[in-house]
Protein backbone atom coordinates (compact mmCIF):
# COMPACT_ATOMS: atom_id res chain seq x y z
CA UNK A 1 34.40 64.57 -34.13
CA UNK A 2 35.87 62.59 -31.33
CA UNK A 3 37.06 63.11 -27.72
CA UNK A 4 39.07 60.93 -25.36
CA UNK A 5 38.69 60.41 -21.62
CA UNK A 6 40.11 58.26 -18.83
CA UNK A 7 36.52 57.53 -17.59
CA UNK A 8 33.02 58.10 -18.82
CA UNK A 9 30.07 58.11 -16.39
CA UNK A 10 26.82 57.50 -18.16
CA UNK A 11 23.94 58.96 -16.14
CA UNK A 12 23.97 62.16 -13.97
CA UNK A 13 21.46 61.17 -11.38
CA UNK A 14 22.55 60.33 -7.55
CA UNK A 15 24.77 57.49 -8.57
CA UNK A 16 26.51 59.40 -11.41
CA UNK A 17 26.97 62.61 -9.53
CA UNK A 18 28.39 60.72 -6.48
CA UNK A 19 30.73 58.98 -8.80
CA UNK A 20 31.89 62.19 -10.30
CA UNK A 21 32.52 63.82 -7.02
CA UNK A 22 34.42 60.63 -5.88
CA UNK A 23 36.98 60.87 -8.73
CA UNK A 24 40.03 62.92 -7.88
CA UNK A 25 40.66 66.13 -9.74
CA UNK A 26 43.21 65.85 -12.39
CA UNK A 27 41.70 62.96 -14.28
CA UNK A 28 40.13 63.37 -17.57
CA UNK A 29 36.52 62.23 -17.37
CA UNK A 30 33.00 63.02 -18.63
CA UNK A 31 29.45 62.64 -17.29
CA UNK A 32 26.70 62.10 -19.77
CA UNK A 33 22.96 62.13 -19.32
CA UNK A 34 20.23 61.74 -21.97
CA UNK A 35 18.09 64.58 -20.24
CA UNK A 36 18.85 68.16 -19.79
CA UNK A 37 18.65 69.43 -16.19
CA UNK A 38 16.53 70.15 -14.38
CA UNK A 39 14.57 67.04 -15.24
CA UNK A 40 11.92 64.96 -13.30
CA UNK A 41 12.55 61.31 -12.28
CA UNK A 42 9.59 59.17 -11.35
CA UNK A 43 10.35 57.90 -7.85
CA UNK A 44 8.95 57.80 -4.36
CA UNK A 45 11.27 60.64 -3.62
CA UNK A 46 12.54 59.07 -0.26
CA UNK A 47 16.07 59.99 0.58
CA UNK A 48 17.61 57.69 3.43
CA UNK A 49 20.13 58.66 5.96
CA UNK A 50 22.63 56.54 3.85
CA UNK A 51 22.62 59.33 1.28
CA UNK A 52 23.84 61.99 3.79
CA UNK A 53 26.54 59.48 4.99
CA UNK A 54 27.86 59.16 1.43
CA UNK A 55 27.77 63.06 1.07
CA UNK A 56 29.77 63.19 4.32
CA UNK A 57 32.41 60.78 2.99
CA UNK A 58 32.61 62.68 -0.19
CA UNK A 59 33.00 66.13 1.28
CA UNK A 60 31.99 67.66 4.63
CA UNK A 61 31.07 70.81 2.66
CA UNK A 62 28.81 68.87 0.52
CA UNK A 63 27.06 67.49 3.43
CA UNK A 64 26.79 70.98 4.97
CA UNK A 65 25.23 72.22 1.69
CA UNK A 66 22.68 69.51 1.83
CA UNK A 67 21.73 70.47 5.39
CA UNK A 68 20.95 73.90 3.97
CA UNK A 69 19.06 72.53 1.00
CA UNK A 70 15.69 74.02 1.59
CA UNK A 71 13.54 71.67 -0.60
CA UNK A 72 13.92 68.61 1.73
CA UNK A 73 11.47 67.53 4.29
CA UNK A 74 13.02 65.72 7.41
CA UNK A 75 11.54 62.30 8.03
CA UNK A 76 11.89 60.77 11.46
CA UNK A 77 9.03 58.03 11.53
CA UNK A 78 8.14 55.29 9.22
CA UNK A 79 4.47 54.27 9.78
CA UNK A 80 3.17 50.93 8.55
CA UNK A 81 -0.54 50.53 8.51
CA UNK A 82 -1.99 46.88 8.59
CA UNK A 83 -4.86 45.67 6.42
CA UNK A 84 -6.85 45.87 9.78
CA UNK A 85 -5.93 49.54 10.10
CA UNK A 86 -3.57 48.90 13.07
CA UNK A 87 -0.49 51.14 12.86
CA UNK A 88 3.08 50.70 13.85
CA UNK A 89 5.42 53.76 14.05
CA UNK A 90 9.08 53.14 13.69
CA UNK A 91 11.42 55.95 14.85
CA UNK A 92 14.49 55.98 12.71
CA UNK A 93 17.90 55.90 14.45
CA UNK A 94 19.14 58.30 11.62
CA UNK A 95 16.35 60.34 10.05
CA UNK A 96 15.94 60.59 6.31
CA UNK A 97 14.42 63.08 3.99
CA UNK A 98 11.88 63.47 1.24
CA UNK A 99 12.43 65.78 -1.69
CA UNK A 100 11.21 65.79 -5.36
CA UNK A 101 13.86 64.21 -7.63
CA UNK A 102 13.54 67.41 -9.78
CA UNK A 103 14.98 69.35 -6.88
CA UNK A 104 17.24 66.78 -5.25
CA UNK A 105 18.97 65.60 -8.51
CA UNK A 106 19.54 69.18 -9.57
CA UNK A 107 21.14 69.87 -6.20
CA UNK A 108 23.59 66.95 -6.66
CA UNK A 109 24.15 67.88 -10.41
CA UNK A 110 25.06 71.35 -9.49
CA UNK A 111 27.35 70.18 -6.60
CA UNK A 112 29.09 67.65 -9.00
CA UNK A 113 29.69 70.39 -11.62
CA UNK A 114 31.28 72.55 -8.95
CA UNK A 115 33.36 69.90 -7.27
CA UNK A 116 34.60 67.75 -10.24
CA UNK A 117 36.83 68.24 -13.21
CA UNK A 118 34.30 66.37 -15.56
CA UNK A 119 33.00 67.57 -18.82
CA UNK A 120 29.24 67.26 -18.58
CA UNK A 121 27.20 66.41 -21.59
CA UNK A 122 23.40 67.06 -21.06
CA UNK A 123 21.15 65.62 -23.74
CA UNK A 124 23.98 63.12 -24.13
CA UNK A 125 21.87 60.18 -25.32
CA UNK A 126 24.25 57.14 -25.87
CA UNK A 127 23.13 54.99 -28.80
CA UNK A 128 25.99 52.54 -29.41
CA UNK A 129 28.91 51.24 -27.30
CA UNK A 130 31.78 49.46 -29.00
CA UNK A 131 34.92 47.93 -27.34
CA UNK A 132 38.09 48.33 -29.49
CA UNK A 133 41.82 47.60 -28.98
CA UNK A 134 42.44 50.67 -26.87
CA UNK A 135 39.20 51.02 -24.89
CA UNK A 136 35.48 51.79 -25.49
CA UNK A 137 33.82 54.08 -28.04
CA UNK A 138 30.46 55.56 -27.17
CA UNK A 139 28.50 57.04 -30.12
CA UNK A 140 25.82 59.68 -29.09
CA UNK A 141 22.49 60.44 -30.71
CA UNK A 142 23.98 63.59 -32.27
CA UNK A 143 26.89 61.63 -33.90
CA UNK A 144 29.58 62.64 -31.17
CA UNK A 145 31.98 59.90 -30.58
CA UNK A 146 33.70 59.60 -27.20
CA UNK A 147 36.52 57.26 -26.39
CA UNK A 148 37.40 55.99 -22.87
CA UNK A 149 39.31 53.51 -20.92
CA UNK A 150 36.49 52.76 -18.64
CA UNK A 151 32.67 53.08 -18.61
CA UNK A 152 30.68 53.48 -15.36
CA UNK A 153 26.87 52.88 -15.72
CA UNK A 154 24.71 55.13 -13.81
CA UNK A 155 21.97 55.18 -16.15
CA UNK A 156 19.14 53.58 -14.25
CA UNK A 157 16.77 50.55 -14.82
CA UNK A 158 16.91 50.86 -18.48
CA UNK A 159 20.67 51.16 -18.66
CA UNK A 160 22.10 51.28 -22.17
CA UNK A 161 25.51 50.25 -20.88
CA UNK A 162 24.05 47.22 -18.91
CA UNK A 163 22.23 46.07 -22.05
CA UNK A 164 25.15 46.62 -24.45
CA UNK A 165 28.19 45.83 -22.34
CA UNK A 166 26.81 43.33 -19.91
CA UNK A 167 24.09 41.78 -22.04
CA UNK A 168 21.72 42.27 -19.00
CA UNK A 169 18.26 40.81 -19.28
CA UNK A 170 15.11 41.74 -17.32
CA UNK A 171 14.39 39.17 -14.61
CA UNK A 172 10.68 39.82 -13.65
CA UNK A 173 11.06 37.68 -10.46
CA UNK A 174 13.27 40.60 -9.19
CA UNK A 175 11.34 43.55 -10.70
CA UNK A 176 8.69 45.72 -9.35
CA UNK A 177 6.26 47.98 -11.00
CA UNK A 178 5.07 51.22 -9.33
CA UNK A 179 3.09 54.44 -10.07
CA UNK A 180 3.48 57.76 -8.58
CA UNK A 181 1.47 60.95 -8.40
CA UNK A 182 1.79 64.33 -6.60
CA UNK A 183 -1.04 65.52 -4.40
CA UNK A 184 -1.87 68.34 -2.09
CA UNK A 185 -3.98 68.70 0.95
CA UNK A 186 -3.63 65.14 2.23
CA UNK A 187 -4.83 64.89 5.83
CA UNK A 188 -3.69 62.72 8.76
CA UNK A 189 -0.04 62.42 7.70
CA UNK A 190 2.45 64.19 10.09
CA UNK A 191 5.03 66.18 8.15
CA UNK A 192 7.92 64.05 9.51
CA UNK A 193 6.23 60.55 8.87
CA UNK A 194 6.33 58.38 5.75
CA UNK A 195 3.18 56.19 5.76
CA UNK A 196 3.00 52.82 4.06
CA UNK A 197 -0.50 51.14 3.93
CA UNK A 198 -0.93 47.46 3.26
CA UNK A 199 -4.49 47.14 1.92
CA UNK A 200 -6.38 43.81 1.84
CA UNK A 201 -7.65 44.18 -1.71
CA UNK A 202 -4.19 45.15 -3.05
CA UNK A 203 -1.83 42.55 -1.58
CA UNK A 204 0.90 41.72 -2.27
CA UNK A 205 1.97 45.27 -2.68
CA UNK A 206 1.81 48.57 -0.85
CA UNK A 207 0.52 52.15 -1.01
CA UNK A 208 2.48 55.04 0.24
CA UNK A 209 2.13 58.67 1.34
CA UNK A 210 5.32 60.53 1.56
CA UNK A 211 5.29 64.21 2.75
CA UNK A 212 7.09 66.96 0.69
CA UNK A 213 7.38 70.61 1.37
CA UNK A 214 4.48 73.04 1.30
CA UNK A 215 1.62 70.70 1.88
CA UNK A 216 2.53 68.38 -1.06
CA UNK A 217 2.86 64.69 -1.02
CA UNK A 218 4.26 61.93 -3.07
CA UNK A 219 1.61 59.20 -3.25
CA UNK A 220 2.21 55.90 -4.91
CA UNK A 221 1.48 52.16 -5.22
CA UNK A 222 3.84 49.34 -6.18
CA UNK A 223 3.82 45.51 -6.51
CA UNK A 224 6.13 43.00 -7.82
CA UNK A 225 5.96 42.51 -11.49
CA UNK A 226 5.11 38.94 -11.40
CA UNK A 227 2.12 39.65 -9.19
CA UNK A 228 0.94 42.47 -11.44
CA UNK A 229 0.98 40.08 -14.35
CA UNK A 230 -0.75 37.26 -12.34
CA UNK A 231 -3.55 39.55 -11.11
CA UNK A 232 -3.74 41.65 -14.24
CA UNK A 233 -3.62 44.91 -12.22
CA UNK A 234 -3.64 48.35 -13.95
CA UNK A 235 -1.40 50.32 -11.48
CA UNK A 236 -2.66 53.77 -12.49
CA UNK A 237 -6.29 52.78 -12.11
CA UNK A 238 -5.55 50.98 -8.78
CA UNK A 239 -3.91 54.22 -7.30
CA UNK A 240 -6.83 56.27 -8.15
CA UNK A 241 -9.27 53.62 -6.78
CA UNK A 242 -7.29 53.42 -3.44
CA UNK A 243 -7.41 57.32 -3.16
CA UNK A 244 -11.10 57.31 -3.74
CA UNK A 245 -11.91 54.39 -1.45
CA UNK A 246 -13.88 54.75 1.76
CA UNK A 247 -11.00 53.04 3.54
CA UNK A 248 -8.71 56.04 2.70
CA UNK A 249 -11.25 58.80 2.96
CA UNK A 250 -9.72 60.36 6.03
CA UNK A 251 -6.50 60.91 4.03
CA UNK A 252 -7.96 62.07 0.67
CA UNK A 253 -11.34 63.65 1.11
CA UNK A 254 -9.90 67.23 0.58
CA UNK A 255 -6.95 66.16 -1.56
CA UNK A 256 -6.29 66.92 -5.21
CA UNK A 257 -3.84 65.59 -7.71
CA UNK A 258 -1.46 68.26 -8.94
CA UNK A 259 -0.21 66.20 -11.99
CA UNK A 260 -0.55 62.92 -13.79
CA UNK A 261 -0.22 59.43 -12.44
CA UNK A 262 3.07 58.13 -13.93
CA UNK A 263 4.59 54.63 -13.79
CA UNK A 264 8.08 53.21 -13.61
CA UNK A 265 9.94 49.87 -13.16
CA UNK A 266 12.24 49.06 -10.27
CA UNK A 267 15.03 46.34 -10.63
CA UNK A 268 15.06 45.09 -7.07
CA UNK A 269 18.01 43.80 -5.09
CA UNK A 270 18.19 40.50 -3.34
CA UNK A 271 19.73 38.40 -6.18
CA UNK A 272 23.52 38.38 -6.46
CA UNK A 273 24.80 38.90 -10.02
CA UNK A 274 27.93 40.29 -11.61
CA UNK A 275 27.96 43.98 -11.60
CA UNK A 276 31.13 44.61 -13.47
CA UNK A 277 33.05 43.32 -16.42
CA UNK A 278 35.87 44.15 -18.75
CA UNK A 279 36.04 48.01 -18.90
CA UNK A 280 32.69 48.70 -17.04
CA UNK A 281 30.87 48.86 -13.81
CA UNK A 282 27.15 49.08 -12.95
CA UNK A 283 25.83 51.32 -10.29
CA UNK A 284 22.53 51.92 -8.63
CA UNK A 285 19.34 50.71 -10.45
CA UNK A 286 21.66 49.56 -13.31
CA UNK A 287 23.09 47.10 -10.81
CA UNK A 288 19.78 46.11 -9.22
CA UNK A 289 20.54 47.63 -5.86
CA UNK A 290 17.12 48.78 -5.00
CA UNK A 291 15.82 47.84 -1.39
CA UNK A 292 13.39 44.92 -2.01
CA UNK A 293 11.23 45.78 0.93
CA UNK A 294 10.75 49.53 0.59
CA UNK A 295 11.67 50.26 -3.12
CA UNK A 296 14.07 52.87 -2.01
CA UNK A 297 17.19 53.16 -4.28
CA UNK A 298 18.96 56.58 -3.74
CA UNK A 299 21.17 55.62 -0.95
CA UNK A 300 22.42 52.49 -2.43
CA UNK A 301 22.92 54.21 -5.77
CA UNK A 302 25.03 56.95 -4.24
CA UNK A 303 27.16 54.47 -2.21
CA UNK A 304 27.74 52.39 -5.36
CA UNK A 305 28.78 55.46 -7.26
CA UNK A 306 31.31 56.36 -4.72
CA UNK A 307 32.63 52.73 -4.63
CA UNK A 308 32.89 52.77 -8.43
CA UNK A 309 34.94 55.84 -8.29
CA UNK A 310 37.37 54.21 -5.91
CA UNK A 311 37.72 51.20 -8.18
CA UNK A 312 38.15 53.52 -11.23
CA UNK A 313 41.21 55.03 -9.56
CA UNK A 314 42.65 51.49 -8.87
CA UNK A 315 42.10 50.60 -12.46
CA UNK A 316 43.83 53.75 -13.81
CA UNK A 317 46.73 53.35 -11.35
CA UNK A 318 47.33 49.74 -12.51
CA UNK A 319 46.24 50.28 -16.12
CA UNK A 320 44.17 47.16 -15.53
CA UNK A 321 40.47 47.08 -16.74
CA UNK A 322 40.01 43.29 -16.97
CA UNK A 323 36.90 41.66 -15.61
CA UNK A 324 38.98 39.81 -13.03
CA UNK A 325 40.43 43.07 -11.64
CA UNK A 326 37.02 44.73 -11.70
CA UNK A 327 35.67 42.04 -9.25
CA UNK A 328 37.07 44.19 -6.46
CA UNK A 329 34.15 46.53 -7.21
CA UNK A 330 31.64 43.77 -6.94
CA UNK A 331 33.20 42.75 -3.56
CA UNK A 332 33.18 46.22 -2.17
CA UNK A 333 29.47 46.72 -3.01
CA UNK A 334 28.29 43.36 -1.66
CA UNK A 335 30.38 43.58 1.44
CA UNK A 336 28.39 46.81 2.08
CA UNK A 337 24.88 45.77 1.02
CA UNK A 338 24.47 42.06 0.35
CA UNK A 339 23.40 41.10 3.97
CA UNK A 340 20.89 43.94 3.95
CA UNK A 341 19.45 43.25 0.39
CA UNK A 342 19.15 39.50 1.34
CA UNK A 343 17.27 40.27 4.57
CA UNK A 344 15.09 42.88 2.87
CA UNK A 345 14.09 40.23 0.26
CA UNK A 346 13.00 37.92 2.94
CA UNK A 347 10.93 40.78 4.46
CA UNK A 348 9.49 41.44 1.01
CA UNK A 349 8.45 37.80 0.48
CA UNK A 350 6.73 37.83 3.93
CA UNK A 351 4.82 41.04 3.41
CA UNK A 352 1.34 40.87 1.90
CA UNK A 353 0.88 37.12 1.32
CA UNK A 354 -1.01 36.59 4.54
CA UNK A 355 -3.17 39.58 5.58
CA UNK A 356 -4.08 38.01 8.90
CA UNK A 357 -0.43 37.25 9.67
CA UNK A 358 0.63 40.86 8.72
CA UNK A 359 -2.06 42.16 11.08
CA UNK A 360 -0.89 40.14 13.92
CA UNK A 361 2.76 41.17 13.34
CA UNK A 362 2.05 44.74 13.13
CA UNK A 363 -0.03 44.67 16.40
CA UNK A 364 2.63 42.61 18.14
CA UNK A 365 5.48 44.87 17.16
CA UNK A 366 3.49 47.87 18.42
CA UNK A 367 3.09 46.11 21.75
CA UNK A 368 6.48 44.72 22.31
CA UNK A 369 9.48 47.17 22.38
CA UNK A 370 11.98 44.21 21.71
CA UNK A 371 10.18 43.33 18.44
CA UNK A 372 9.73 47.04 17.47
CA UNK A 373 13.47 47.62 18.01
CA UNK A 374 14.31 44.47 15.82
CA UNK A 375 12.07 45.79 12.99
CA UNK A 376 13.46 49.31 13.14
CA UNK A 377 17.02 47.94 12.79
CA UNK A 378 16.01 46.05 9.73
CA UNK A 379 14.75 49.30 8.17
């Protein structure tokens, strides 16, 4: 059995859902996801203001529906805690949000199903991708074959499309490992404040506490993969040790885990590479667009999904799917994100390699408004 489409989007998370909503009705396209919704996604659960900007650009009604989305927690402040315990509060010029990926991804998935003409394939696990004379054939785990003119990869850090069509390899210099757990009854964290702690014994890396609804928190720890390997750190063990430490007692004395500690990999931005080729584009984590300083990837994923939809329309209008024509997508993404990713990479390289310097910087930024303003603009 075989079906044919103009465009196939692989992955129905924030990038894939945004891409689907960015394509005009009337096209014949499909969205595949190996999972069945609702499904969890291991993540820090931070949703930046950029995500709302993308929703506003896709549809005012979509943005309005997100404003009514009851599962989100509004975040107005980012708090950085130095190894010395000194704290710096950054008040965001445009507030962000926190929501579990289980709920946020379901929200976007439902909106995409309502707002697009796509055929949605849940449990649509892609096994092989083959280019042929007329386009690309995708074969799913259940044997279903789908033909398309163009593939848009929104399938995350372990992207099947990136591996099979772009021959993408893991570059551990630009990868991070992280673990995440859900907890309740954490103390000392205002409900509108994301807290990031730089702990002397766990540098370079950082520990986070992000508030969710109903007295729940996303608690996690992340570090660059090369540093994890060099220090032989067990991230799951480290997270539990941090939560149980005397240093963090004020936060976690009454707290309790509500689930397992789970790990994931993050392909970080900050290194320019090709994110398209003949008959394909890579979006979000598949394109290494995660913020290198914070590990946040949702906003950039949604933006790249929308830009991929715009490029797909250009390809279909011109009947041109060549690698050279697709470079318009690379340019559009990097025009929007490259300066930011490059600067955040510099911040990431600075953070954590000198506890004394980090202490001094956070204290200075808390004292001097001009420095605090500069740091706020970076984030």
